Amino acid sequence: MSDKTLYLIQSCFSHTDQVLTQLDQIYSVDDHILLMGDAVLYVCDHRLEKKKNLYILENDTEILAEKVPEHFKLINYAQFAELILDFTRCISLK
């Protein structure tokens, strides 16, 4: 059994900074991160630059003024469902 975790970052914009600080303390290299809702506004945050396995829902990119960085993978809802099924541990940070 794998110890990898899927982190669903779905916090409001004003709380996302704290959530990313918390994530830095618990993240490991095999983990995956999905930014959702207002949290996608932190797509260019320096704390995410060196992390692997980063995702954003295609529909959530509509609120972005800038282009999504290349180290993020855009996924649709069907791919999101498949991604969730790959994990035995999902943690929602709000």
N, C-alpha and C. Protein backbone atom coordinates (compact mmCIF):
# COMPACT_ATOMS: atom_id res chain seq x y z
N MET A 1 0.84 -1.18 0.00
CA MET A 1 0.00 0.00 0.00
C MET A 1 0.89 1.25 0.00
N SER A 2 0.51 2.20 -0.80
CA SER A 2 1.28 3.43 -0.93
C SER A 2 0.87 4.43 0.15
N ASP A 3 1.82 5.26 0.53
CA ASP A 3 1.54 6.29 1.52
C ASP A 3 1.24 7.64 0.90
N LYS A 4 1.04 7.68 -0.41
CA LYS A 4 0.80 8.96 -1.06
C LYS A 4 -0.58 9.50 -0.68
N THR A 5 -0.66 10.82 -0.67
CA THR A 5 -1.87 11.52 -0.28
C THR A 5 -2.27 12.50 -1.36
N LEU A 6 -3.56 12.64 -1.58
CA LEU A 6 -4.10 13.67 -2.47
C LEU A 6 -4.62 14.80 -1.60
N TYR A 7 -4.04 15.98 -1.77
CA TYR A 7 -4.49 17.16 -1.03
C TYR A 7 -5.40 17.98 -1.93
N LEU A 8 -6.61 18.21 -1.48
CA LEU A 8 -7.58 19.04 -2.19
C LEU A 8 -7.57 20.40 -1.50
N ILE A 9 -6.98 21.38 -2.17
CA ILE A 9 -6.89 22.73 -1.60
C ILE A 9 -8.08 23.52 -2.11
N GLN A 10 -9.08 23.73 -1.25
CA GLN A 10 -10.32 24.39 -1.65
C GLN A 10 -10.68 25.52 -0.71
N SER A 11 -9.66 26.20 -0.25
CA SER A 11 -9.86 27.30 0.69
C SER A 11 -10.25 28.58 -0.02
N CYS A 12 -10.86 29.49 0.74
CA CYS A 12 -11.15 30.80 0.18
C CYS A 12 -9.83 31.55 -0.01
N PHE A 13 -9.82 32.56 -0.84
CA PHE A 13 -8.60 33.27 -1.17
C PHE A 13 -7.87 33.78 0.08
N SER A 14 -8.60 34.35 1.01
CA SER A 14 -7.97 34.95 2.19
C SER A 14 -7.34 33.92 3.13
N HIS A 15 -7.70 32.67 3.00
CA HIS A 15 -7.18 31.62 3.88
C HIS A 15 -6.15 30.73 3.18
N THR A 16 -6.01 30.85 1.87
CA THR A 16 -5.13 29.95 1.10
C THR A 16 -3.67 30.10 1.50
N ASP A 17 -3.23 31.30 1.85
CA ASP A 17 -1.84 31.49 2.28
C ASP A 17 -1.54 30.61 3.49
N GLN A 18 -2.42 30.59 4.47
CA GLN A 18 -2.24 29.75 5.66
C GLN A 18 -2.27 28.26 5.30
N VAL A 19 -3.15 27.90 4.39
CA VAL A 19 -3.26 26.50 3.97
C VAL A 19 -1.96 26.04 3.29
N LEU A 20 -1.39 26.88 2.45
CA LEU A 20 -0.14 26.51 1.77
C LEU A 20 1.02 26.40 2.76
N THR A 21 1.02 27.21 3.79
CA THR A 21 2.03 27.10 4.84
C THR A 21 1.86 25.77 5.58
N GLN A 22 0.62 25.42 5.88
CA GLN A 22 0.33 24.14 6.53
C GLN A 22 0.74 22.98 5.63
N LEU A 23 0.44 23.10 4.34
CA LEU A 23 0.78 22.04 3.39
C LEU A 23 2.29 21.81 3.35
N ASP A 24 3.08 22.87 3.42
CA ASP A 24 4.54 22.73 3.42
C ASP A 24 5.02 21.85 4.57
N GLN A 25 4.32 21.84 5.66
CA GLN A 25 4.72 21.07 6.83
C GLN A 25 4.37 19.59 6.73
N ILE A 26 3.39 19.25 5.89
CA ILE A 26 2.93 17.85 5.83
C ILE A 26 3.16 17.18 4.48
N TYR A 27 3.53 17.93 3.47
CA TYR A 27 3.70 17.42 2.11
C TYR A 27 4.92 16.51 2.02
N SER A 28 4.78 15.41 1.26
CA SER A 28 5.93 14.57 0.92
C SER A 28 5.99 14.42 -0.61
N VAL A 29 7.11 14.01 -1.12
CA VAL A 29 7.39 14.04 -2.55
C VAL A 29 6.42 13.20 -3.40
N ASP A 30 5.81 12.18 -2.84
CA ASP A 30 4.88 11.33 -3.60
C ASP A 30 3.44 11.83 -3.56
N ASP A 31 3.19 12.89 -2.82
CA ASP A 31 1.84 13.43 -2.70
C ASP A 31 1.42 14.19 -3.95
N HIS A 32 0.12 14.35 -4.11
CA HIS A 32 -0.46 15.10 -5.22
C HIS A 32 -1.31 16.23 -4.66
N ILE A 33 -1.38 17.34 -5.40
CA ILE A 33 -2.09 18.52 -4.93
C ILE A 33 -3.03 19.01 -6.03
N LEU A 34 -4.28 19.26 -5.65
CA LEU A 34 -5.26 19.82 -6.57
C LEU A 34 -5.76 21.14 -6.00
N LEU A 35 -5.55 22.23 -6.75
CA LEU A 35 -6.08 23.53 -6.36
C LEU A 35 -7.48 23.65 -6.93
N MET A 36 -8.42 24.14 -6.10
CA MET A 36 -9.81 24.25 -6.51
C MET A 36 -10.38 25.60 -6.09
N GLY A 37 -11.35 26.09 -6.84
CA GLY A 37 -12.02 27.34 -6.48
C GLY A 37 -11.06 28.50 -6.40
N ASP A 38 -11.25 29.35 -5.38
CA ASP A 38 -10.41 30.54 -5.20
C ASP A 38 -8.94 30.21 -4.98
N ALA A 39 -8.64 29.01 -4.53
CA ALA A 39 -7.24 28.63 -4.28
C ALA A 39 -6.41 28.65 -5.56
N VAL A 40 -7.04 28.54 -6.72
CA VAL A 40 -6.27 28.58 -7.97
C VAL A 40 -5.62 29.94 -8.19
N LEU A 41 -6.07 30.94 -7.49
CA LEU A 41 -5.44 32.26 -7.60
C LEU A 41 -4.02 32.26 -7.04
N TYR A 42 -3.64 31.20 -6.35
CA TYR A 42 -2.28 31.03 -5.83
C TYR A 42 -1.42 30.14 -6.74
N VAL A 43 -1.83 29.98 -7.96
CA VAL A 43 -1.16 29.08 -8.90
C VAL A 43 0.32 29.43 -9.09
N CYS A 44 0.67 30.69 -8.96
CA CYS A 44 2.06 31.12 -9.15
C CYS A 44 2.82 31.28 -7.83
N ASP A 45 2.27 30.81 -6.74
CA ASP A 45 2.92 30.94 -5.44
C ASP A 45 4.24 30.17 -5.42
N HIS A 46 5.26 30.78 -4.86
CA HIS A 46 6.60 30.18 -4.82
C HIS A 46 6.64 28.85 -4.06
N ARG A 47 5.73 28.63 -3.13
CA ARG A 47 5.72 27.38 -2.36
C ARG A 47 5.30 26.18 -3.20
N LEU A 48 4.69 26.44 -4.35
CA LEU A 48 4.25 25.34 -5.22
C LEU A 48 5.24 25.05 -6.35
N GLU A 49 6.21 25.91 -6.56
CA GLU A 49 7.12 25.80 -7.70
C GLU A 49 7.90 24.49 -7.72
N LYS A 50 8.34 23.99 -6.59
CA LYS A 50 9.18 22.80 -6.55
C LYS A 50 8.41 21.53 -6.22
N LYS A 51 7.11 21.65 -6.09
CA LYS A 51 6.30 20.47 -5.80
C LYS A 51 5.92 19.77 -7.10
N LYS A 52 5.73 18.47 -7.01
CA LYS A 52 5.35 17.67 -8.16
C LYS A 52 3.88 17.32 -8.09
N ASN A 53 3.35 16.80 -9.17
CA ASN A 53 1.98 16.27 -9.20
C ASN A 53 0.95 17.32 -8.80
N LEU A 54 0.95 18.43 -9.53
CA LEU A 54 0.03 19.54 -9.27
C LEU A 54 -1.07 19.57 -10.32
N TYR A 55 -2.31 19.80 -9.88
CA TYR A 55 -3.46 19.77 -10.78
C TYR A 55 -4.36 20.98 -10.53
N ILE A 56 -5.08 21.35 -11.58
CA ILE A 56 -6.13 22.37 -11.51
C ILE A 56 -7.27 21.89 -12.39
N LEU A 57 -8.49 22.07 -11.92
CA LEU A 57 -9.65 21.77 -12.76
C LEU A 57 -9.74 22.83 -13.87
N GLU A 58 -9.97 22.37 -15.07
CA GLU A 58 -10.06 23.28 -16.22
C GLU A 58 -11.08 24.40 -15.97
N ASN A 59 -12.21 24.06 -15.40
CA ASN A 59 -13.26 25.07 -15.17
C ASN A 59 -12.81 26.16 -14.21
N ASP A 60 -11.92 25.84 -13.28
CA ASP A 60 -11.47 26.82 -12.30
C ASP A 60 -10.45 27.81 -12.87
N THR A 61 -9.89 27.52 -14.02
CA THR A 61 -8.90 28.43 -14.61
C THR A 61 -9.53 29.70 -15.17
N GLU A 62 -10.84 29.72 -15.28
CA GLU A 62 -11.54 30.89 -15.84
C GLU A 62 -11.33 32.15 -15.00
N ILE A 63 -11.01 32.00 -13.72
CA ILE A 63 -10.83 33.17 -12.87
C ILE A 63 -9.39 33.70 -12.88
N LEU A 64 -8.51 33.02 -13.59
CA LEU A 64 -7.11 33.43 -13.62
C LEU A 64 -6.86 34.51 -14.66
N ALA A 65 -6.05 35.48 -14.28
CA ALA A 65 -5.63 36.52 -15.23
C ALA A 65 -4.38 36.07 -15.97
N GLU A 66 -3.56 35.25 -15.32
CA GLU A 66 -2.32 34.78 -15.93
C GLU A 66 -2.48 33.35 -16.46
N LYS A 67 -1.51 32.96 -17.23
CA LYS A 67 -1.49 31.60 -17.79
C LYS A 67 -1.10 30.61 -16.69
N VAL A 68 -1.65 29.41 -16.77
CA VAL A 68 -1.34 28.36 -15.80
C VAL A 68 0.11 27.90 -16.03
N PRO A 69 0.93 27.89 -14.97
CA PRO A 69 2.32 27.43 -15.12
C PRO A 69 2.39 26.00 -15.67
N GLU A 70 3.46 25.71 -16.37
CA GLU A 70 3.61 24.42 -17.04
C GLU A 70 3.69 23.24 -16.09
N HIS A 71 4.08 23.47 -14.84
CA HIS A 71 4.21 22.34 -13.91
C HIS A 71 2.86 21.90 -13.33
N PHE A 72 1.78 22.56 -13.73
CA PHE A 72 0.42 22.14 -13.36
C PHE A 72 -0.21 21.38 -14.51
N LYS A 73 -0.99 20.38 -14.18
CA LYS A 73 -1.74 19.63 -15.18
C LYS A 73 -3.21 20.05 -15.09
N LEU A 74 -3.78 20.47 -16.20
CA LEU A 74 -5.20 20.80 -16.24
C LEU A 74 -6.00 19.52 -16.42
N ILE A 75 -7.03 19.35 -15.60
CA ILE A 75 -7.86 18.15 -15.70
C ILE A 75 -9.33 18.54 -15.73
N ASN A 76 -10.13 17.68 -16.34
CA ASN A 76 -11.58 17.90 -16.35
C ASN A 76 -12.20 17.07 -15.22
N TYR A 77 -13.52 17.13 -15.11
CA TYR A 77 -14.18 16.44 -13.99
C TYR A 77 -14.04 14.92 -14.07
N ALA A 78 -14.05 14.36 -15.26
CA ALA A 78 -13.88 12.90 -15.40
C ALA A 78 -12.48 12.49 -14.93
N GLN A 79 -11.48 13.27 -15.30
CA GLN A 79 -10.11 12.98 -14.86
C GLN A 79 -9.97 13.17 -13.35
N PHE A 80 -10.69 14.14 -12.81
CA PHE A 80 -10.70 14.37 -11.36
C PHE A 80 -11.25 13.13 -10.65
N ALA A 81 -12.32 12.58 -11.14
CA ALA A 81 -12.91 11.37 -10.55
C ALA A 81 -11.92 10.21 -10.60
N GLU A 82 -11.24 10.05 -11.73
CA GLU A 82 -10.23 8.99 -11.85
C GLU A 82 -9.07 9.21 -10.89
N LEU A 83 -8.65 10.46 -10.75
CA LEU A 83 -7.55 10.79 -9.84
C LEU A 83 -7.90 10.42 -8.41
N ILE A 84 -9.08 10.75 -7.98
CA ILE A 84 -9.51 10.46 -6.61
C ILE A 84 -9.51 8.95 -6.35
N LEU A 85 -9.89 8.18 -7.35
CA LEU A 85 -9.94 6.73 -7.18
C LEU A 85 -8.55 6.10 -7.02
N ASP A 86 -7.51 6.84 -7.40
CA ASP A 86 -6.13 6.34 -7.27
C ASP A 86 -5.59 6.46 -5.85
N PHE A 87 -6.34 7.07 -4.95
CA PHE A 87 -5.84 7.35 -3.61
C PHE A 87 -6.71 6.70 -2.55
N THR A 88 -6.07 6.22 -1.53
CA THR A 88 -6.80 5.73 -0.36
C THR A 88 -6.88 6.82 0.70
N ARG A 89 -6.07 7.88 0.52
CA ARG A 89 -6.08 8.98 1.49
C ARG A 89 -6.17 10.31 0.75
N CYS A 90 -7.29 10.99 0.95
CA CYS A 90 -7.51 12.34 0.40
C CYS A 90 -7.77 13.27 1.57
N ILE A 91 -7.11 14.42 1.56
CA ILE A 91 -7.28 15.39 2.62
C ILE A 91 -7.69 16.70 2.00
N SER A 92 -8.79 17.25 2.49
CA SER A 92 -9.30 18.53 2.03
C SER A 92 -8.83 19.61 3.00
N LEU A 93 -8.12 20.60 2.47
CA LEU A 93 -7.66 21.71 3.28
C LEU A 93 -8.45 22.94 2.88
N LYS A 94 -9.16 23.51 3.84
CA LYS A 94 -10.03 24.66 3.55
C LYS A 94 -9.64 25.86 4.35
